[in-house]
């Protein structure tokens, strides 16, 4: 378990996305550039509103500093944040381009 001091909320840029065939519910495997933190991975249930190819280059907000876990056989390092809606998750993302790895204030 992480100490809360290790946790952060940061902006990252999705560099690769593909279906996570091993997940129980439809999800994507995401590789996200967090600048100085490097490229981290996440499995995200965002298939209702987003196509994998349109996610590449998208900036997202994620919780960092979590212990890695396996989701459908895929290592997930961060938790990508979004808002639950009846039509699926809507990603939280900056409205302007920001530096990858930037801390959310």
C-alpha atoms as a PDB file:
ATOM      1  CA  UNK A   1       0.000   0.000   0.000  1.00  0.00           C
ATOM      2  CA  UNK A   2       1.242   3.508  -0.833  1.00  0.00           C
ATOM      3  CA  UNK A   3       1.725   6.194   1.736  1.00  0.00           C
ATOM      4  CA  UNK A   4      -0.492   9.154   0.824  1.00  0.00           C
ATOM      5  CA  UNK A   5       2.670  11.289   0.533  1.00  0.00           C
ATOM      6  CA  UNK A   6       3.660   9.143  -2.494  1.00  0.00           C
ATOM      7  CA  UNK A   7       0.438   9.897  -4.360  1.00  0.00           C
ATOM      8  CA  UNK A   8       0.149  12.636  -6.940  1.00  0.00           C
ATOM      9  CA  UNK A   9      -2.311  13.853  -9.538  1.00  0.00           C
ATOM     10  CA  UNK A  10      -0.583  14.610 -12.820  1.00  0.00           C
ATOM     11  CA  UNK A  11      -1.200  15.246 -16.496  1.00  0.00           C
ATOM     12  CA  UNK A  12       0.045  12.694 -18.982  1.00  0.00           C
ATOM     13  CA  UNK A  13      -0.099  12.144 -22.727  1.00  0.00           C
ATOM     14  CA  UNK A  14      -1.367   8.830 -24.134  1.00  0.00           C
ATOM     15  CA  UNK A  15       1.250   7.462 -26.535  1.00  0.00           C
ATOM     16  CA  UNK A  16      -0.352   4.077 -27.262  1.00  0.00           C
ATOM     17  CA  UNK A  17      -3.765   2.476 -26.726  1.00  0.00           C
ATOM     18  CA  UNK A  18      -5.111  -0.983 -27.502  1.00  0.00           C
ATOM     19  CA  UNK A  19      -7.944  -3.207 -26.268  1.00  0.00           C
ATOM     20  CA  UNK A  20      -7.267  -5.092 -23.036  1.00  0.00           C
ATOM     21  CA  UNK A  21      -8.613  -8.482 -24.142  1.00  0.00           C
ATOM     22  CA  UNK A  22      -7.861 -10.001 -20.728  1.00  0.00           C
ATOM     23  CA  UNK A  23     -10.058  -7.589 -18.758  1.00  0.00           C
ATOM     24  CA  UNK A  24     -13.445  -8.772 -17.432  1.00  0.00           C
ATOM     25  CA  UNK A  25     -15.169  -5.634 -18.721  1.00  0.00           C
ATOM     26  CA  UNK A  26     -14.212  -3.885 -21.968  1.00  0.00           C
ATOM     27  CA  UNK A  27     -11.138  -1.725 -21.334  1.00  0.00           C
ATOM     28  CA  UNK A  28      -8.083  -0.277 -23.026  1.00  0.00           C
ATOM     29  CA  UNK A  29      -4.421  -0.791 -22.253  1.00  0.00           C
ATOM     30  CA  UNK A  30      -2.892   2.667 -22.164  1.00  0.00           C
ATOM     31  CA  UNK A  31       0.755   3.708 -22.244  1.00  0.00           C
ATOM     32  CA  UNK A  32       1.015   7.261 -20.915  1.00  0.00           C
ATOM     33  CA  UNK A  33       3.989   9.649 -20.989  1.00  0.00           C
ATOM     34  CA  UNK A  34       4.407  11.419 -17.645  1.00  0.00           C
ATOM     35  CA  UNK A  35       7.564  13.326 -18.559  1.00  0.00           C
ATOM     36  CA  UNK A  36      10.062  12.997 -15.678  1.00  0.00           C
ATOM     37  CA  UNK A  37       8.140  10.000 -14.268  1.00  0.00           C
ATOM     38  CA  UNK A  38       8.558   8.144 -17.564  1.00  0.00           C
ATOM     39  CA  UNK A  39       6.009   6.084 -19.448  1.00  0.00           C
ATOM     40  CA  UNK A  40       3.469   4.442 -17.147  1.00  0.00           C
ATOM     41  CA  UNK A  41       0.605   2.070 -17.933  1.00  0.00           C
ATOM     42  CA  UNK A  42      -3.077   1.942 -17.087  1.00  0.00           C
ATOM     43  CA  UNK A  43      -6.055  -0.244 -17.878  1.00  0.00           C
ATOM     44  CA  UNK A  44      -9.063   2.020 -18.327  1.00  0.00           C
ATOM     45  CA  UNK A  45     -12.748   1.212 -18.834  1.00  0.00           C
ATOM     46  CA  UNK A  46     -13.382   3.988 -21.333  1.00  0.00           C
ATOM     47  CA  UNK A  47     -14.442   1.987 -24.385  1.00  0.00           C
ATOM     48  CA  UNK A  48     -18.035   3.309 -24.395  1.00  0.00           C
ATOM     49  CA  UNK A  49     -17.048   6.826 -25.409  1.00  0.00           C
ATOM     50  CA  UNK A  50     -13.575   6.535 -26.962  1.00  0.00           C
ATOM     51  CA  UNK A  51     -11.907   4.594 -29.775  1.00  0.00           C
ATOM     52  CA  UNK A  52      -8.335   3.417 -29.140  1.00  0.00           C
ATOM     53  CA  UNK A  53      -6.913   5.253 -32.163  1.00  0.00           C
ATOM     54  CA  UNK A  54      -8.439   8.602 -31.140  1.00  0.00           C
ATOM     55  CA  UNK A  55      -6.862   8.386 -27.669  1.00  0.00           C
ATOM     56  CA  UNK A  56      -3.261   8.594 -28.914  1.00  0.00           C
ATOM     57  CA  UNK A  57      -2.010  12.143 -28.291  1.00  0.00           C
ATOM     58  CA  UNK A  58      -4.795  12.875 -25.802  1.00  0.00           C
ATOM     59  CA  UNK A  59      -3.781  14.351 -22.481  1.00  0.00           C
ATOM     60  CA  UNK A  60      -5.375  12.866 -19.371  1.00  0.00           C
ATOM     61  CA  UNK A  61      -5.310  13.387 -15.618  1.00  0.00           C
ATOM     62  CA  UNK A  62      -4.236  10.430 -13.478  1.00  0.00           C
ATOM     63  CA  UNK A  63      -3.350   9.461  -9.918  1.00  0.00           C
ATOM     64  CA  UNK A  64       0.324   8.449  -9.733  1.00  0.00           C
ATOM     65  CA  UNK A  65       2.342   6.785  -6.992  1.00  0.00           C
ATOM     66  CA  UNK A  66       0.017   3.807  -6.592  1.00  0.00           C
ATOM     67  CA  UNK A  67       1.492   0.326  -6.295  1.00  0.00           C
ATOM     68  CA  UNK A  68       1.279  -1.482  -9.664  1.00  0.00           C
ATOM     69  CA  UNK A  69      -1.536  -3.993 -10.026  1.00  0.00           C
ATOM     70  CA  UNK A  70      -2.527  -6.515 -12.693  1.00  0.00           C
ATOM     71  CA  UNK A  71      -5.744  -5.882 -14.604  1.00  0.00           C
ATOM     72  CA  UNK A  72      -6.568  -8.590 -17.104  1.00  0.00           C
ATOM     73  CA  UNK A  73      -2.927  -9.652 -17.172  1.00  0.00           C
ATOM     74  CA  UNK A  74      -1.723  -6.082 -17.814  1.00  0.00           C
ATOM     75  CA  UNK A  75       0.327  -4.037 -15.345  1.00  0.00           C
ATOM     76  CA  UNK A  76      -1.530  -0.877 -14.324  1.00  0.00           C
ATOM     77  CA  UNK A  77       0.614   1.819 -12.649  1.00  0.00           C
ATOM     78  CA  UNK A  78      -1.767   4.780 -12.559  1.00  0.00           C
ATOM     79  CA  UNK A  79      -5.485   5.482 -12.244  1.00  0.00           C
ATOM     80  CA  UNK A  80      -6.807   7.571 -15.124  1.00  0.00           C
ATOM     81  CA  UNK A  81      -9.558   9.877 -13.852  1.00  0.00           C
ATOM     82  CA  UNK A  82     -12.969  10.433 -15.384  1.00  0.00           C
ATOM     83  CA  UNK A  83     -16.576  11.173 -14.547  1.00  0.00           C
ATOM     84  CA  UNK A  84     -19.145   8.370 -14.608  1.00  0.00           C
ATOM     85  CA  UNK A  85     -22.123   9.154 -16.846  1.00  0.00           C
ATOM     86  CA  UNK A  86     -24.984   6.974 -18.101  1.00  0.00           C
ATOM     87  CA  UNK A  87     -23.223   6.877 -21.505  1.00  0.00           C
ATOM     88  CA  UNK A  88     -19.841   5.854 -20.057  1.00  0.00           C
ATOM     89  CA  UNK A  89     -16.813   7.500 -18.487  1.00  0.00           C
ATOM     90  CA  UNK A  90     -15.862  11.006 -19.646  1.00  0.00           C
ATOM     91  CA  UNK A  91     -12.134  11.588 -19.233  1.00  0.00           C
ATOM     92  CA  UNK A  92     -10.816  14.469 -17.142  1.00  0.00           C
ATOM     93  CA  UNK A  93      -8.294  16.298 -19.290  1.00  0.00           C
ATOM     94  CA  UNK A  94      -6.730  19.735 -19.619  1.00  0.00           C
ATOM     95  CA  UNK A  95      -8.505  22.184 -21.929  1.00  0.00           C
ATOM     96  CA  UNK A  96      -5.094  23.354 -23.200  1.00  0.00           C
ATOM     97  CA  UNK A  97      -1.875  21.446 -23.885  1.00  0.00           C
ATOM     98  CA  UNK A  98       0.268  21.124 -20.768  1.00  0.00           C
ATOM     99  CA  UNK A  99       3.631  19.552 -20.050  1.00  0.00           C
ATOM    100  CA  UNK A 100       3.480  15.770 -19.555  1.00  0.00           C
ATOM    101  CA  UNK A 101       4.022  14.977 -15.880  1.00  0.00           C
ATOM    102  CA  UNK A 102       2.761  18.364 -14.743  1.00  0.00           C
ATOM    103  CA  UNK A 103       1.215  18.351 -11.275  1.00  0.00           C
ATOM    104  CA  UNK A 104      -2.452  19.162 -10.893  1.00  0.00           C
ATOM    105  CA  UNK A 105      -2.919  22.106  -8.520  1.00  0.00           C
END
